[in-house]
Amino acid sequence: MNRQMRYNEVKGIRVNLTTDDNDKVISLEDSWEYIKVEELQDLAKSNIALYINDAKEEDYILFNRSIVFEEIEVKKVRVRLLNGLTDTYNIQLILMR
């Protein structure tokens, strides 16, 4: 059985980061058990910081292309462009519960 089949609700959120608007916070009404964060472009060496829930400024995760979190309650996601190679980054969040 596929691990995603145990979830009965799916939500997708798209976030656009630019060099001028480089910090976005997504607050969720309810908690989610599975989250996949991925870049929609195939850009090498993008420096995007990811904060889950109430992570402190220094407690970010630097990810490249995609990252998955399972079996934790996610109520808030923050994505921040640390330094970019292009003007626009498109990030997609896939949430399941």
C-alpha atoms as a PDB file:
ATOM      1  CA  MET A   1       0.000   0.000   0.000  1.00  0.00           C
ATOM      2  CA  ASN A   2       1.284   3.429  -0.899  1.00  0.00           C
ATOM      3  CA  ARG A   3       2.049   5.613   2.138  1.00  0.00           C
ATOM      4  CA  GLN A   4      -0.008   8.513   0.729  1.00  0.00           C
ATOM      5  CA  MET A   5      -3.149   6.363   0.637  1.00  0.00           C
ATOM      6  CA  ARG A   6      -3.529   6.637   4.414  1.00  0.00           C
ATOM      7  CA  TYR A   7      -4.259  10.368   4.116  1.00  0.00           C
ATOM      8  CA  ASN A   8      -7.745  11.498   3.164  1.00  0.00           C
ATOM      9  CA  GLU A   9      -7.214  15.223   2.610  1.00  0.00           C
ATOM     10  CA  VAL A  10      -4.712  16.917   0.314  1.00  0.00           C
ATOM     11  CA  LYS A  11      -3.960  20.616  -0.075  1.00  0.00           C
ATOM     12  CA  GLY A  12      -1.527  22.362  -2.385  1.00  0.00           C
ATOM     13  CA  ILE A  13      -0.087  25.841  -1.901  1.00  0.00           C
ATOM     14  CA  ARG A  14       2.136  27.730  -4.322  1.00  0.00           C
ATOM     15  CA  VAL A  15       4.548  30.367  -3.042  1.00  0.00           C
ATOM     16  CA  ASN A  16       6.386  32.812  -5.279  1.00  0.00           C
ATOM     17  CA  LEU A  17       9.593  34.313  -3.918  1.00  0.00           C
ATOM     18  CA  THR A  18      11.370  37.188  -5.618  1.00  0.00           C
ATOM     19  CA  THR A  19      14.483  39.124  -4.758  1.00  0.00           C
ATOM     20  CA  ASP A  20      12.245  42.002  -3.597  1.00  0.00           C
ATOM     21  CA  ASP A  21       9.615  39.857  -1.811  1.00  0.00           C
ATOM     22  CA  ASN A  22      11.826  37.119  -0.379  1.00  0.00           C
ATOM     23  CA  ASP A  23      10.098  36.032   2.841  1.00  0.00           C
ATOM     24  CA  LYS A  24       6.673  34.344   3.073  1.00  0.00           C
ATOM     25  CA  VAL A  25       4.846  32.857   6.046  1.00  0.00           C
ATOM     26  CA  ILE A  26       2.022  30.385   5.460  1.00  0.00           C
ATOM     27  CA  SER A  27      -0.158  29.947   8.544  1.00  0.00           C
ATOM     28  CA  LEU A  28      -2.453  26.943   8.399  1.00  0.00           C
ATOM     29  CA  GLU A  29      -5.780  26.763  10.226  1.00  0.00           C
ATOM     30  CA  ASP A  30      -5.374  23.107  11.119  1.00  0.00           C
ATOM     31  CA  SER A  31      -2.320  20.925  11.548  1.00  0.00           C
ATOM     32  CA  TRP A  32      -1.097  18.636   8.777  1.00  0.00           C
ATOM     33  CA  GLU A  33       0.811  15.341   9.205  1.00  0.00           C
ATOM     34  CA  TYR A  34       2.683  15.221   5.897  1.00  0.00           C
ATOM     35  CA  ILE A  35       4.318  18.069   4.040  1.00  0.00           C
ATOM     36  CA  LYS A  36       6.398  18.060   0.902  1.00  0.00           C
ATOM     37  CA  VAL A  37       8.116  21.277  -0.120  1.00  0.00           C
ATOM     38  CA  GLU A  38       9.612  21.438  -3.580  1.00  0.00           C
ATOM     39  CA  GLU A  39      10.997  23.900  -6.077  1.00  0.00           C
ATOM     40  CA  LEU A  40       9.068  24.000  -9.333  1.00  0.00           C
ATOM     41  CA  GLN A  41      12.067  25.132 -11.363  1.00  0.00           C
ATOM     42  CA  ASP A  42      15.109  22.963 -11.781  1.00  0.00           C
ATOM     43  CA  LEU A  43      17.581  25.479 -10.402  1.00  0.00           C
ATOM     44  CA  ALA A  44      20.908  24.392  -9.028  1.00  0.00           C
ATOM     45  CA  LYS A  45      22.159  25.744  -5.736  1.00  0.00           C
ATOM     46  CA  SER A  46      19.200  27.856  -4.755  1.00  0.00           C
ATOM     47  CA  ASN A  47      19.469  28.980  -1.152  1.00  0.00           C
ATOM     48  CA  ILE A  48      15.992  28.765   0.311  1.00  0.00           C
ATOM     49  CA  ALA A  49      15.531  28.549   4.070  1.00  0.00           C
ATOM     50  CA  LEU A  50      12.575  26.586   5.396  1.00  0.00           C
ATOM     51  CA  TYR A  51      11.141  27.093   8.873  1.00  0.00           C
ATOM     52  CA  ILE A  52       8.565  24.692  10.310  1.00  0.00           C
ATOM     53  CA  ASN A  53       6.097  25.854  12.969  1.00  0.00           C
ATOM     54  CA  ASP A  54       7.777  28.270  15.398  1.00  0.00           C
ATOM     55  CA  ALA A  55      11.392  27.640  14.439  1.00  0.00           C
ATOM     56  CA  LYS A  56      13.795  30.347  15.533  1.00  0.00           C
ATOM     57  CA  GLU A  57      15.698  32.492  13.055  1.00  0.00           C
ATOM     58  CA  GLU A  58      18.798  30.289  13.244  1.00  0.00           C
ATOM     59  CA  ASP A  59      16.858  26.977  13.140  1.00  0.00           C
ATOM     60  CA  TYR A  60      16.117  26.813   9.441  1.00  0.00           C
ATOM     61  CA  ILE A  61      16.544  23.957   7.015  1.00  0.00           C
ATOM     62  CA  LEU A  62      18.329  24.710   3.779  1.00  0.00           C
ATOM     63  CA  PHE A  63      16.821  22.584   1.051  1.00  0.00           C
ATOM     64  CA  ASN A  64      17.565  21.918  -2.580  1.00  0.00           C
ATOM     65  CA  ARG A  65      14.764  20.804  -4.909  1.00  0.00           C
ATOM     66  CA  SER A  66      12.505  19.018  -2.376  1.00  0.00           C
ATOM     67  CA  ILE A  67      12.130  17.889   1.211  1.00  0.00           C
ATOM     68  CA  VAL A  68       9.489  15.792   3.002  1.00  0.00           C
ATOM     69  CA  PHE A  69       8.327  15.859   6.621  1.00  0.00           C
ATOM     70  CA  GLU A  70       6.123  13.064   7.943  1.00  0.00           C
ATOM     71  CA  GLU A  71       4.370  12.402  11.233  1.00  0.00           C
ATOM     72  CA  ILE A  72       4.854  15.857  12.707  1.00  0.00           C
ATOM     73  CA  GLU A  73       2.145  18.436  13.220  1.00  0.00           C
ATOM     74  CA  VAL A  74       2.725  21.327  10.847  1.00  0.00           C
ATOM     75  CA  LYS A  75       0.743  24.512  11.479  1.00  0.00           C
ATOM     76  CA  LYS A  76       3.073  27.128  10.032  1.00  0.00           C
ATOM     77  CA  VAL A  77       5.628  27.178   7.230  1.00  0.00           C
ATOM     78  CA  ARG A  78       8.004  30.005   6.421  1.00  0.00           C
ATOM     79  CA  VAL A  79      10.117  30.113   3.273  1.00  0.00           C
ATOM     80  CA  ARG A  80      12.839  32.699   2.823  1.00  0.00           C
ATOM     81  CA  LEU A  81      15.150  33.308  -0.096  1.00  0.00           C
ATOM     82  CA  LEU A  82      18.643  33.754   1.334  1.00  0.00           C
ATOM     83  CA  ASN A  83      20.320  34.618  -1.937  1.00  0.00           C
ATOM     84  CA  GLY A  84      19.137  33.853  -5.400  1.00  0.00           C
ATOM     85  CA  LEU A  85      20.539  33.154  -8.792  1.00  0.00           C
ATOM     86  CA  THR A  86      17.393  34.302 -10.620  1.00  0.00           C
ATOM     87  CA  ASP A  87      14.668  36.876  -9.990  1.00  0.00           C
ATOM     88  CA  THR A  88      11.786  34.497  -9.189  1.00  0.00           C
ATOM     89  CA  TYR A  89      11.482  31.189  -7.344  1.00  0.00           C
ATOM     90  CA  ASN A  90       8.303  29.117  -7.324  1.00  0.00           C
ATOM     91  CA  ILE A  91       7.832  26.821  -4.351  1.00  0.00           C
ATOM     92  CA  GLN A  92       5.046  24.266  -4.000  1.00  0.00           C
ATOM     93  CA  LEU A  93       3.785  22.858  -0.704  1.00  0.00           C
ATOM     94  CA  ILE A  94       1.817  19.618  -0.712  1.00  0.00           C
ATOM     95  CA  LEU A  95       0.022  18.996   2.581  1.00  0.00           C
ATOM     96  CA  MET A  96      -1.776  15.803   3.605  1.00  0.00           C
ATOM     97  CA  ARG A  97      -3.661  14.551   6.606  1.00  0.00           C
END
